Amino acid sequence: TSGDLCWFPGKMVYEIKPRGYSKGTAVEAFMKTDPFRGRKPVFIGDDLPDEDGFEAVRTFGGLGILIGPHRSTKALFQFETVSALRIWLAELPL
């Protein structure tokens, strides 16, 4: 932690964010602006800090998608690998 920034280890990265903010607050901020207002967000993540994002997209009727080993999550969908997610996306009727 340094001043107004917080950092913590993620999967093969260090995440840095302003104190008091999360991926969930970022989603909320995006959804209040054009061109995102009124749309359904999709949030894809693979780490514990992504849980705030998964929760936030649900409040806007969107989808949270967790990539990685099965675990308890706020995401609506889980896929073991990015390849599995790609297959699922390709099969969606659009």
PDB file of N, CA and C in Angstrom:
ATOM      1  N   THR A   1       0.846  -1.178   0.000  1.00  0.00           N
ATOM      2  CA  THR A   1       0.000   0.000   0.000  1.00  0.00           C
ATOM      3  C   THR A   1       0.892   1.241   0.000  1.00  0.00           C
ATOM      4  N   SER A   2       0.534   2.208  -0.810  1.00  0.00           N
ATOM      5  CA  SER A   2       1.318   3.426  -0.884  1.00  0.00           C
ATOM      6  C   SER A   2       0.385   4.597  -1.174  1.00  0.00           C
ATOM      7  N   GLY A   3       0.214   5.493  -0.203  1.00  0.00           N
ATOM      8  CA  GLY A   3      -0.648   6.654  -0.412  1.00  0.00           C
ATOM      9  C   GLY A   3      -2.065   6.268  -0.738  1.00  0.00           C
ATOM     10  N   ASP A   4      -2.533   6.722  -1.901  1.00  0.00           N
ATOM     11  CA  ASP A   4      -3.901   6.456  -2.315  1.00  0.00           C
ATOM     12  C   ASP A   4      -4.042   5.206  -3.159  1.00  0.00           C
ATOM     13  N   LEU A   5      -2.955   4.452  -3.342  1.00  0.00           N
ATOM     14  CA  LEU A   5      -3.003   3.244  -4.152  1.00  0.00           C
ATOM     15  C   LEU A   5      -2.806   2.001  -3.291  1.00  0.00           C
ATOM     16  N   CYS A   6      -3.482   0.922  -3.678  1.00  0.00           N
ATOM     17  CA  CYS A   6      -3.309  -0.383  -3.039  1.00  0.00           C
ATOM     18  C   CYS A   6      -2.824  -1.343  -4.115  1.00  0.00           C
ATOM     19  N   TRP A   7      -1.969  -2.254  -3.733  1.00  0.00           N
ATOM     20  CA  TRP A   7      -1.546  -3.286  -4.677  1.00  0.00           C
ATOM     21  C   TRP A   7      -1.569  -4.629  -3.974  1.00  0.00           C
ATOM     22  N   PHE A   8      -1.816  -5.666  -4.756  1.00  0.00           N
ATOM     23  CA  PHE A   8      -1.852  -7.010  -4.211  1.00  0.00           C
ATOM     24  C   PHE A   8      -1.568  -7.990  -5.336  1.00  0.00           C
ATOM     25  N   PRO A   9      -1.030  -9.156  -4.992  1.00  0.00           N
ATOM     26  CA  PRO A   9      -0.699 -10.134  -6.025  1.00  0.00           C
ATOM     27  C   PRO A   9      -1.938 -10.804  -6.588  1.00  0.00           C
ATOM     28  N   GLY A  10      -1.908 -11.041  -7.886  1.00  0.00           N
ATOM     29  CA  GLY A  10      -2.933 -11.807  -8.573  1.00  0.00           C
ATOM     30  C   GLY A  10      -2.264 -12.979  -9.254  1.00  0.00           C
ATOM     31  N   LYS A  11      -2.922 -13.553 -10.237  1.00  0.00           N
ATOM     32  CA  LYS A  11      -2.334 -14.667 -10.978  1.00  0.00           C
ATOM     33  C   LYS A  11      -1.316 -14.115 -11.975  1.00  0.00           C
ATOM     34  N   MET A  12      -0.048 -14.269 -11.662  1.00  0.00           N
ATOM     35  CA  MET A  12       1.054 -13.840 -12.514  1.00  0.00           C
ATOM     36  C   MET A  12       1.086 -12.333 -12.751  1.00  0.00           C
ATOM     37  N   VAL A  13       0.458 -11.548 -11.864  1.00  0.00           N
ATOM     38  CA  VAL A  13       0.448 -10.087 -11.973  1.00  0.00           C
ATOM     39  C   VAL A  13       0.400  -9.483 -10.575  1.00  0.00           C
ATOM     40  N   TYR A  14       0.629  -8.209 -10.506  1.00  0.00           N
ATOM     41  CA  TYR A  14       0.277  -7.423  -9.326  1.00  0.00           C
ATOM     42  C   TYR A  14      -0.799  -6.461  -9.776  1.00  0.00           C
ATOM     43  N   GLU A  15      -1.881  -6.406  -9.029  1.00  0.00           N
ATOM     44  CA  GLU A  15      -2.959  -5.487  -9.361  1.00  0.00           C
ATOM     45  C   GLU A  15      -2.802  -4.231  -8.519  1.00  0.00           C
ATOM     46  N   ILE A  16      -2.951  -3.081  -9.163  1.00  0.00           N
ATOM     47  CA  ILE A  16      -2.848  -1.787  -8.493  1.00  0.00           C
ATOM     48  C   ILE A  16      -4.155  -1.054  -8.716  1.00  0.00           C
ATOM     49  N   LYS A  17      -4.715  -0.512  -7.631  1.00  0.00           N
ATOM     50  CA  LYS A  17      -5.987   0.207  -7.758  1.00  0.00           C
ATOM     51  C   LYS A  17      -6.028   1.340  -6.742  1.00  0.00           C
ATOM     52  N   PRO A  18      -6.849   2.339  -7.009  1.00  0.00           N
ATOM     53  CA  PRO A  18      -7.037   3.395  -6.015  1.00  0.00           C
ATOM     54  C   PRO A  18      -7.738   2.831  -4.777  1.00  0.00           C
ATOM     55  N   ARG A  19      -7.341   3.285  -3.622  1.00  0.00           N
ATOM     56  CA  ARG A  19      -7.952   2.854  -2.369  1.00  0.00           C
ATOM     57  C   ARG A  19      -9.459   3.162  -2.411  1.00  0.00           C
ATOM     58  N   GLY A  20     -10.267   2.197  -1.983  1.00  0.00           N
ATOM     59  CA  GLY A  20     -11.716   2.390  -1.939  1.00  0.00           C
ATOM     60  C   GLY A  20     -12.433   1.997  -3.222  1.00  0.00           C
ATOM     61  N   TYR A  21     -11.707   1.553  -4.230  1.00  0.00           N
ATOM     62  CA  TYR A  21     -12.320   1.142  -5.492  1.00  0.00           C
ATOM     63  C   TYR A  21     -12.075  -0.339  -5.717  1.00  0.00           C
ATOM     64  N   SER A  22     -12.919  -0.935  -6.561  1.00  0.00           N
ATOM     65  CA  SER A  22     -12.790  -2.349  -6.894  1.00  0.00           C
ATOM     66  C   SER A  22     -13.195  -2.533  -8.356  1.00  0.00           C
ATOM     67  N   LYS A  23     -13.105  -3.751  -8.823  1.00  0.00           N
ATOM     68  CA  LYS A  23     -13.570  -4.032 -10.183  1.00  0.00           C
ATOM     69  C   LYS A  23     -15.089  -3.845 -10.255  1.00  0.00           C
ATOM     70  N   GLY A  24     -15.767  -4.036  -9.141  1.00  0.00           N
ATOM     71  CA  GLY A  24     -17.203  -3.794  -9.091  1.00  0.00           C
ATOM     72  C   GLY A  24     -17.537  -2.321  -9.239  1.00  0.00           C
ATOM     73  N   THR A  25     -16.799  -1.449  -8.558  1.00  0.00           N
ATOM     74  CA  THR A  25     -17.067  -0.006  -8.694  1.00  0.00           C
ATOM     75  C   THR A  25     -16.717   0.469 -10.097  1.00  0.00           C
ATOM     76  N   ALA A  26     -15.736  -0.175 -10.729  1.00  0.00           N
ATOM     77  CA  ALA A  26     -15.396   0.176 -12.117  1.00  0.00           C
ATOM     78  C   ALA A  26     -16.550  -0.191 -13.054  1.00  0.00           C
ATOM     79  N   VAL A  27     -17.117  -1.380 -12.869  1.00  0.00           N
ATOM     80  CA  VAL A  27     -18.267  -1.790 -13.684  1.00  0.00           C
ATOM     81  C   VAL A  27     -19.417  -0.808 -13.489  1.00  0.00           C
ATOM     82  N   GLU A  28     -19.720  -0.457 -12.244  1.00  0.00           N
ATOM     83  CA  GLU A  28     -20.808   0.489 -11.970  1.00  0.00           C
ATOM     84  C   GLU A  28     -20.568   1.825 -12.658  1.00  0.00           C
ATOM     85  N   ALA A  29     -19.345   2.318 -12.629  1.00  0.00           N
ATOM     86  CA  ALA A  29     -19.031   3.597 -13.284  1.00  0.00           C
ATOM     87  C   ALA A  29     -19.221   3.503 -14.797  1.00  0.00           C
ATOM     88  N   PHE A  30     -18.736   2.415 -15.401  1.00  0.00           N
ATOM     89  CA  PHE A  30     -18.920   2.235 -16.846  1.00  0.00           C
ATOM     90  C   PHE A  30     -20.396   2.195 -17.201  1.00  0.00           C
ATOM     91  N   MET A  31     -21.203   1.482 -16.427  1.00  0.00           N
ATOM     92  CA  MET A  31     -22.604   1.288 -16.762  1.00  0.00           C
ATOM     93  C   MET A  31     -23.435   2.567 -16.643  1.00  0.00           C
ATOM     94  N   LYS A  32     -22.893   3.586 -16.025  1.00  0.00           N
ATOM     95  CA  LYS A  32     -23.596   4.869 -15.909  1.00  0.00           C
ATOM     96  C   LYS A  32     -23.274   5.802 -17.064  1.00  0.00           C
ATOM     97  N   THR A  33     -22.401   5.384 -17.970  1.00  0.00           N
ATOM     98  CA  THR A  33     -21.980   6.250 -19.068  1.00  0.00           C
ATOM     99  C   THR A  33     -22.354   5.650 -20.417  1.00  0.00           C
ATOM    100  N   ASP A  34     -22.450   6.517 -21.425  1.00  0.00           N
ATOM    101  CA  ASP A  34     -22.606   6.035 -22.791  1.00  0.00           C
ATOM    102  C   ASP A  34     -21.242   5.533 -23.236  1.00  0.00           C
ATOM    103  N   PRO A  35     -21.130   4.490 -23.975  1.00  0.00           N
ATOM    104  CA  PRO A  35     -22.183   3.723 -24.645  1.00  0.00           C
ATOM    105  C   PRO A  35     -22.678   2.526 -23.856  1.00  0.00           C
ATOM    106  N   PHE A  36     -22.347   2.424 -22.575  1.00  0.00           N
ATOM    107  CA  PHE A  36     -22.689   1.236 -21.784  1.00  0.00           C
ATOM    108  C   PHE A  36     -24.071   1.295 -21.143  1.00  0.00           C
ATOM    109  N   ARG A  37     -24.601   2.480 -20.907  1.00  0.00           N
ATOM    110  CA  ARG A  37     -25.886   2.646 -20.237  1.00  0.00           C
ATOM    111  C   ARG A  37     -26.964   1.849 -20.963  1.00  0.00           C
ATOM    112  N   GLY A  38     -27.728   1.069 -20.183  1.00  0.00           N
ATOM    113  CA  GLY A  38     -28.840   0.308 -20.747  1.00  0.00           C
ATOM    114  C   GLY A  38     -28.454  -1.017 -21.375  1.00  0.00           C
ATOM    115  N   ARG A  39     -27.193  -1.359 -21.364  1.00  0.00           N
ATOM    116  CA  ARG A  39     -26.744  -2.627 -21.955  1.00  0.00           C
ATOM    117  C   ARG A  39     -26.528  -3.672 -20.876  1.00  0.00           C
ATOM    118  N   LYS A  40     -26.342  -4.903 -21.289  1.00  0.00           N
ATOM    119  CA  LYS A  40     -26.062  -5.992 -20.354  1.00  0.00           C
ATOM    120  C   LYS A  40     -24.566  -6.278 -20.378  1.00  0.00           C
ATOM    121  N   PRO A  41     -23.900  -6.075 -19.262  1.00  0.00           N
ATOM    122  CA  PRO A  41     -22.452  -6.289 -19.237  1.00  0.00           C
ATOM    123  C   PRO A  41     -22.075  -7.766 -19.112  1.00  0.00           C
ATOM    124  N   VAL A  42     -20.903  -8.078 -19.622  1.00  0.00           N
ATOM    125  CA  VAL A  42     -20.292  -9.395 -19.464  1.00  0.00           C
ATOM    126  C   VAL A  42     -18.921  -9.162 -18.840  1.00  0.00           C
ATOM    127  N   PHE A  43     -18.641  -9.858 -17.760  1.00  0.00           N
ATOM    128  CA  PHE A  43     -17.371  -9.708 -17.046  1.00  0.00           C
ATOM    129  C   PHE A  43     -16.728 -11.083 -16.968  1.00  0.00           C
ATOM    130  N   ILE A  44     -15.529 -11.214 -17.537  1.00  0.00           N
ATOM    131  CA  ILE A  44     -14.805 -12.477 -17.537  1.00  0.00           C
ATOM    132  C   ILE A  44     -13.559 -12.300 -16.683  1.00  0.00           C
ATOM    133  N   GLY A  45     -13.354 -13.211 -15.732  1.00  0.00           N
ATOM    134  CA  GLY A  45     -12.201 -13.107 -14.861  1.00  0.00           C
ATOM    135  C   GLY A  45     -11.716 -14.459 -14.394  1.00  0.00           C
ATOM    136  N   ASP A  46     -10.546 -14.440 -13.733  1.00  0.00           N
ATOM    137  CA  ASP A  46      -9.946 -15.701 -13.290  1.00  0.00           C
ATOM    138  C   ASP A  46      -9.358 -15.633 -11.891  1.00  0.00           C
ATOM    139  N   ASP A  47      -9.646 -14.573 -11.146  1.00  0.00           N
ATOM    140  CA  ASP A  47      -8.975 -14.380  -9.866  1.00  0.00           C
ATOM    141  C   ASP A  47      -9.971 -13.872  -8.819  1.00  0.00           C
ATOM    142  N   LEU A  48      -9.602 -13.939  -7.556  1.00  0.00           N
ATOM    143  CA  LEU A  48     -10.501 -13.512  -6.475  1.00  0.00           C
ATOM    144  C   LEU A  48     -10.933 -12.046  -6.572  1.00  0.00           C
ATOM    145  N   PRO A  49     -10.064 -11.095  -6.947  1.00  0.00           N
ATOM    146  CA  PRO A  49     -10.540  -9.709  -7.063  1.00  0.00           C
ATOM    147  C   PRO A  49     -11.630  -9.527  -8.125  1.00  0.00           C
ATOM    148  N   ASP A  50     -11.785 -10.499  -9.008  1.00  0.00           N
ATOM    149  CA  ASP A  50     -12.832 -10.406 -10.030  1.00  0.00           C
ATOM    150  C   ASP A  50     -14.223 -10.643  -9.462  1.00  0.00           C
ATOM    151  N   GLU A  51     -14.314 -11.189  -8.257  1.00  0.00           N
ATOM    152  CA  GLU A  51     -15.621 -11.466  -7.648  1.00  0.00           C
ATOM    153  C   GLU A  51     -16.464 -10.196  -7.526  1.00  0.00           C
ATOM    154  N   ASP A  52     -15.843  -9.061  -7.226  1.00  0.00           N
ATOM    155  CA  ASP A  52     -16.592  -7.796  -7.151  1.00  0.00           C
ATOM    156  C   ASP A  52     -17.191  -7.446  -8.513  1.00  0.00           C
ATOM    157  N   GLY A  53     -16.457  -7.716  -9.581  1.00  0.00           N
ATOM    158  CA  GLY A  53     -16.967  -7.482 -10.929  1.00  0.00           C
ATOM    159  C   GLY A  53     -18.116  -8.413 -11.270  1.00  0.00           C
ATOM    160  N   PHE A  54     -17.990  -9.698 -10.891  1.00  0.00           N
ATOM    161  CA  PHE A  54     -19.071 -10.648 -11.142  1.00  0.00           C
ATOM    162  C   PHE A  54     -20.362 -10.203 -10.456  1.00  0.00           C
ATOM    163  N   GLU A  55     -20.223  -9.756  -9.221  1.00  0.00           N
ATOM    164  CA  GLU A  55     -21.389  -9.307  -8.464  1.00  0.00           C
ATOM    165  C   GLU A  55     -22.004  -8.057  -9.090  1.00  0.00           C
ATOM    166  N   ALA A  56     -21.176  -7.134  -9.515  1.00  0.00           N
ATOM    167  CA  ALA A  56     -21.678  -5.879 -10.091  1.00  0.00           C
ATOM    168  C   ALA A  56     -22.440  -6.109 -11.388  1.00  0.00           C
ATOM    169  N   VAL A  57     -21.931  -6.972 -12.276  1.00  0.00           N
ATOM    170  CA  VAL A  57     -22.643  -7.168 -13.539  1.00  0.00           C
ATOM    171  C   VAL A  57     -24.014  -7.792 -13.317  1.00  0.00           C
ATOM    172  N   ARG A  58     -24.150  -8.596 -12.271  1.00  0.00           N
ATOM    173  CA  ARG A  58     -25.460  -9.201 -11.977  1.00  0.00           C
ATOM    174  C   ARG A  58     -26.487  -8.131 -11.659  1.00  0.00           C
ATOM    175  N   THR A  59     -26.086  -7.049 -10.997  1.00  0.00           N
ATOM    176  CA  THR A  59     -27.041  -5.989 -10.657  1.00  0.00           C
ATOM    177  C   THR A  59     -27.544  -5.271 -11.905  1.00  0.00           C
ATOM    178  N   PHE A  60     -26.825  -5.427 -13.022  1.00  0.00           N
ATOM    179  CA  PHE A  60     -27.240  -4.822 -14.289  1.00  0.00           C
ATOM    180  C   PHE A  60     -27.805  -5.865 -15.248  1.00  0.00           C
ATOM    181  N   GLY A  61     -28.107  -7.062 -14.729  1.00  0.00           N
ATOM    182  CA  GLY A  61     -28.673  -8.115 -15.564  1.00  0.00           C
ATOM    183  C   GLY A  61     -27.661  -8.778 -16.472  1.00  0.00           C
ATOM    184  N   GLY A  62     -26.374  -8.607 -16.174  1.00  0.00           N
ATOM    185  CA  GLY A  62     -25.327  -9.151 -17.021  1.00  0.00           C
ATOM    186  C   GLY A  62     -24.820 -10.499 -16.564  1.00  0.00           C
ATOM    187  N   LEU A  63     -23.723 -10.930 -17.190  1.00  0.00           N
ATOM    188  CA  LEU A  63     -23.149 -12.243 -16.942  1.00  0.00           C
ATOM    189  C   LEU A  63     -21.732 -12.143 -16.401  1.00  0.00           C
ATOM    190  N   GLY A  64     -21.471 -12.879 -15.351  1.00  0.00           N
ATOM    191  CA  GLY A  64     -20.116 -13.051 -14.859  1.00  0.00           C
ATOM    192  C   GLY A  64     -19.637 -14.430 -15.257  1.00  0.00           C
ATOM    193  N   ILE A  65     -18.407 -14.510 -15.762  1.00  0.00           N
ATOM    194  CA  ILE A  65     -17.857 -15.776 -16.226  1.00  0.00           C
ATOM    195  C   ILE A  65     -16.487 -15.984 -15.598  1.00  0.00           C
ATOM    196  N   LEU A  66     -16.345 -17.072 -14.856  1.00  0.00           N
ATOM    197  CA  LEU A  66     -15.078 -17.422 -14.225  1.00  0.00           C
ATOM    198  C   LEU A  66     -14.333 -18.419 -15.097  1.00  0.00           C
ATOM    199  N   ILE A  67     -13.053 -18.160 -15.328  1.00  0.00           N
ATOM    200  CA  ILE A  67     -12.189 -19.079 -16.053  1.00  0.00           C
ATOM    201  C   ILE A  67     -11.227 -19.704 -15.045  1.00  0.00           C
ATOM    202  N   GLY A  68     -11.148 -21.023 -15.025  1.00  0.00           N
ATOM    203  CA  GLY A  68     -10.218 -21.696 -14.131  1.00  0.00           C
ATOM    204  C   GLY A  68     -10.875 -22.824 -13.377  1.00  0.00           C
ATOM    205  N   PRO A  69     -10.146 -23.394 -12.413  1.00  0.00           N
ATOM    206  CA  PRO A  69     -10.682 -24.524 -11.645  1.00  0.00           C
ATOM    207  C   PRO A  69     -11.983 -24.158 -10.937  1.00  0.00           C
ATOM    208  N   HIS A  70     -12.866 -25.137 -10.840  1.00  0.00           N
ATOM    209  CA  HIS A  70     -14.165 -24.928 -10.195  1.00  0.00           C
ATOM    210  C   HIS A  70     -13.974 -24.494  -8.739  1.00  0.00           C
ATOM    211  N   ARG A  71     -14.711 -23.458  -8.339  1.00  0.00           N
ATOM    212  CA  ARG A  71     -14.693 -22.979  -6.953  1.00  0.00           C
ATOM    213  C   ARG A  71     -15.977 -22.212  -6.706  1.00  0.00           C
ATOM    214  N   SER A  72     -16.232 -21.891  -5.481  1.00  0.00           N
ATOM    215  CA  SER A  72     -17.380 -21.064  -5.135  1.00  0.00           C
ATOM    216  C   SER A  72     -17.154 -19.669  -5.724  1.00  0.00           C
ATOM    217  N   THR A  73     -18.181 -19.128  -6.374  1.00  0.00           N
ATOM    218  CA  THR A  73     -18.018 -17.849  -7.072  1.00  0.00           C
ATOM    219  C   THR A  73     -19.356 -17.134  -7.216  1.00  0.00           C
ATOM    220  N   LYS A  74     -19.295 -15.842  -7.466  1.00  0.00           N
ATOM    221  CA  LYS A  74     -20.485 -15.049  -7.768  1.00  0.00           C
ATOM    222  C   LYS A  74     -20.767 -15.036  -9.270  1.00  0.00           C
ATOM    223  N   ALA A  75     -19.862 -15.612 -10.055  1.00  0.00           N
ATOM    224  CA  ALA A  75     -20.066 -15.706 -11.500  1.00  0.00           C
ATOM    225  C   ALA A  75     -21.205 -16.674 -11.801  1.00  0.00           C
ATOM    226  N   LEU A  76     -21.942 -16.401 -12.874  1.00  0.00           N
ATOM    227  CA  LEU A  76     -23.041 -17.285 -13.256  1.00  0.00           C
ATOM    228  C   LEU A  76     -22.552 -18.505 -14.017  1.00  0.00           C
ATOM    229  N   PHE A  77     -21.418 -18.380 -14.702  1.00  0.00           N
ATOM    230  CA  PHE A  77     -20.874 -19.474 -15.496  1.00  0.00           C
ATOM    231  C   PHE A  77     -19.420 -19.693 -15.122  1.00  0.00           C
ATOM    232  N   GLN A  78     -18.967 -20.945 -15.261  1.00  0.00           N
ATOM    233  CA  GLN A  78     -17.569 -21.285 -15.012  1.00  0.00           C
ATOM    234  C   GLN A  78     -17.068 -22.171 -16.141  1.00  0.00           C
ATOM    235  N   PHE A  79     -15.849 -21.909 -16.585  1.00  0.00           N
ATOM    236  CA  PHE A  79     -15.193 -22.720 -17.600  1.00  0.00           C
ATOM    237  C   PHE A  79     -13.782 -23.002 -17.134  1.00  0.00           C
ATOM    238  N   GLU A  80     -13.337 -24.221 -17.339  1.00  0.00           N
ATOM    239  CA  GLU A  80     -11.990 -24.608 -16.908  1.00  0.00           C
ATOM    240  C   GLU A  80     -10.910 -23.851 -17.672  1.00  0.00           C
ATOM    241  N   THR A  81     -11.152 -23.602 -18.972  1.00  0.00           N
ATOM    242  CA  THR A  81     -10.133 -22.993 -19.827  1.00  0.00           C
ATOM    243  C   THR A  81     -10.746 -21.921 -20.722  1.00  0.00           C
ATOM    244  N   VAL A  82      -9.883 -21.086 -21.265  1.00  0.00           N
ATOM    245  CA  VAL A  82     -10.324 -20.083 -22.243  1.00  0.00           C
ATOM    246  C   VAL A  82     -10.866 -20.797 -23.481  1.00  0.00           C
ATOM    247  N   SER A  83     -10.250 -21.903 -23.863  1.00  0.00           N
ATOM    248  CA  SER A  83     -10.727 -22.661 -25.025  1.00  0.00           C
ATOM    249  C   SER A  83     -12.158 -23.134 -24.826  1.00  0.00           C
ATOM    250  N   ALA A  84     -12.493 -23.600 -23.629  1.00  0.00           N
ATOM    251  CA  ALA A  84     -13.859 -24.042 -23.339  1.00  0.00           C
ATOM    252  C   ALA A  84     -14.835 -22.870 -23.450  1.00  0.00           C
ATOM    253  N   LEU A  85     -14.430 -21.700 -22.991  1.00  0.00           N
ATOM    254  CA  LEU A  85     -15.276 -20.505 -23.123  1.00  0.00           C
ATOM    255  C   LEU A  85     -15.475 -20.161 -24.597  1.00  0.00           C
ATOM    256  N   ARG A  86     -14.427 -20.215 -25.381  1.00  0.00           N
ATOM    257  CA  ARG A  86     -14.536 -19.898 -26.821  1.00  0.00           C
ATOM    258  C   ARG A  86     -15.517 -20.835 -27.516  1.00  0.00           C
ATOM    259  N   ILE A  87     -15.455 -22.121 -27.185  1.00  0.00           N
ATOM    260  CA  ILE A  87     -16.385 -23.088 -27.792  1.00  0.00           C
ATOM    261  C   ILE A  87     -17.822 -22.736 -27.426  1.00  0.00           C
ATOM    262  N   TRP A  88     -18.050 -22.429 -26.140  1.00  0.00           N
ATOM    263  CA  TRP A  88     -19.384 -22.058 -25.678  1.00  0.00           C
ATOM    264  C   TRP A  88     -19.882 -20.798 -26.399  1.00  0.00           C
ATOM    265  N   LEU A  89     -19.021 -19.796 -26.512  1.00  0.00           N
ATOM    266  CA  LEU A  89     -19.406 -18.560 -27.194  1.00  0.00           C
ATOM    267  C   LEU A  89     -19.739 -18.806 -28.667  1.00  0.00           C
ATOM    268  N   ALA A  90     -18.956 -19.652 -29.323  1.00  0.00           N
ATOM    269  CA  ALA A  90     -19.189 -19.946 -30.752  1.00  0.00           C
ATOM    270  C   ALA A  90     -20.517 -20.650 -30.963  1.00  0.00           C
ATOM    271  N   GLU A  91     -20.988 -21.375 -29.971  1.00  0.00           N
ATOM    272  CA  GLU A  91     -22.241 -22.123 -30.100  1.00  0.00           C
ATOM    273  C   GLU A  91     -23.481 -21.323 -29.711  1.00  0.00           C
ATOM    274  N   LEU A  92     -23.294 -20.089 -29.199  1.00  0.00           N
ATOM    275  CA  LEU A  92     -24.446 -19.280 -28.815  1.00  0.00           C
ATOM    276  C   LEU A  92     -25.246 -18.873 -30.047  1.00  0.00           C
ATOM    277  N   PRO A  93     -26.560 -18.980 -29.970  1.00  0.00           N
ATOM    278  CA  PRO A  93     -27.387 -18.531 -31.101  1.00  0.00           C
ATOM    279  C   PRO A  93     -27.503 -17.006 -31.090  1.00  0.00           C
ATOM    280  N   LEU A  94     -26.876 -16.379 -32.022  1.00  0.00           N
ATOM    281  CA  LEU A  94     -26.922 -14.900 -32.081  1.00  0.00           C
ATOM    282  C   LEU A  94     -27.784 -14.413 -33.200  1.00  0.00           C
TER     283      LEU A  94
END
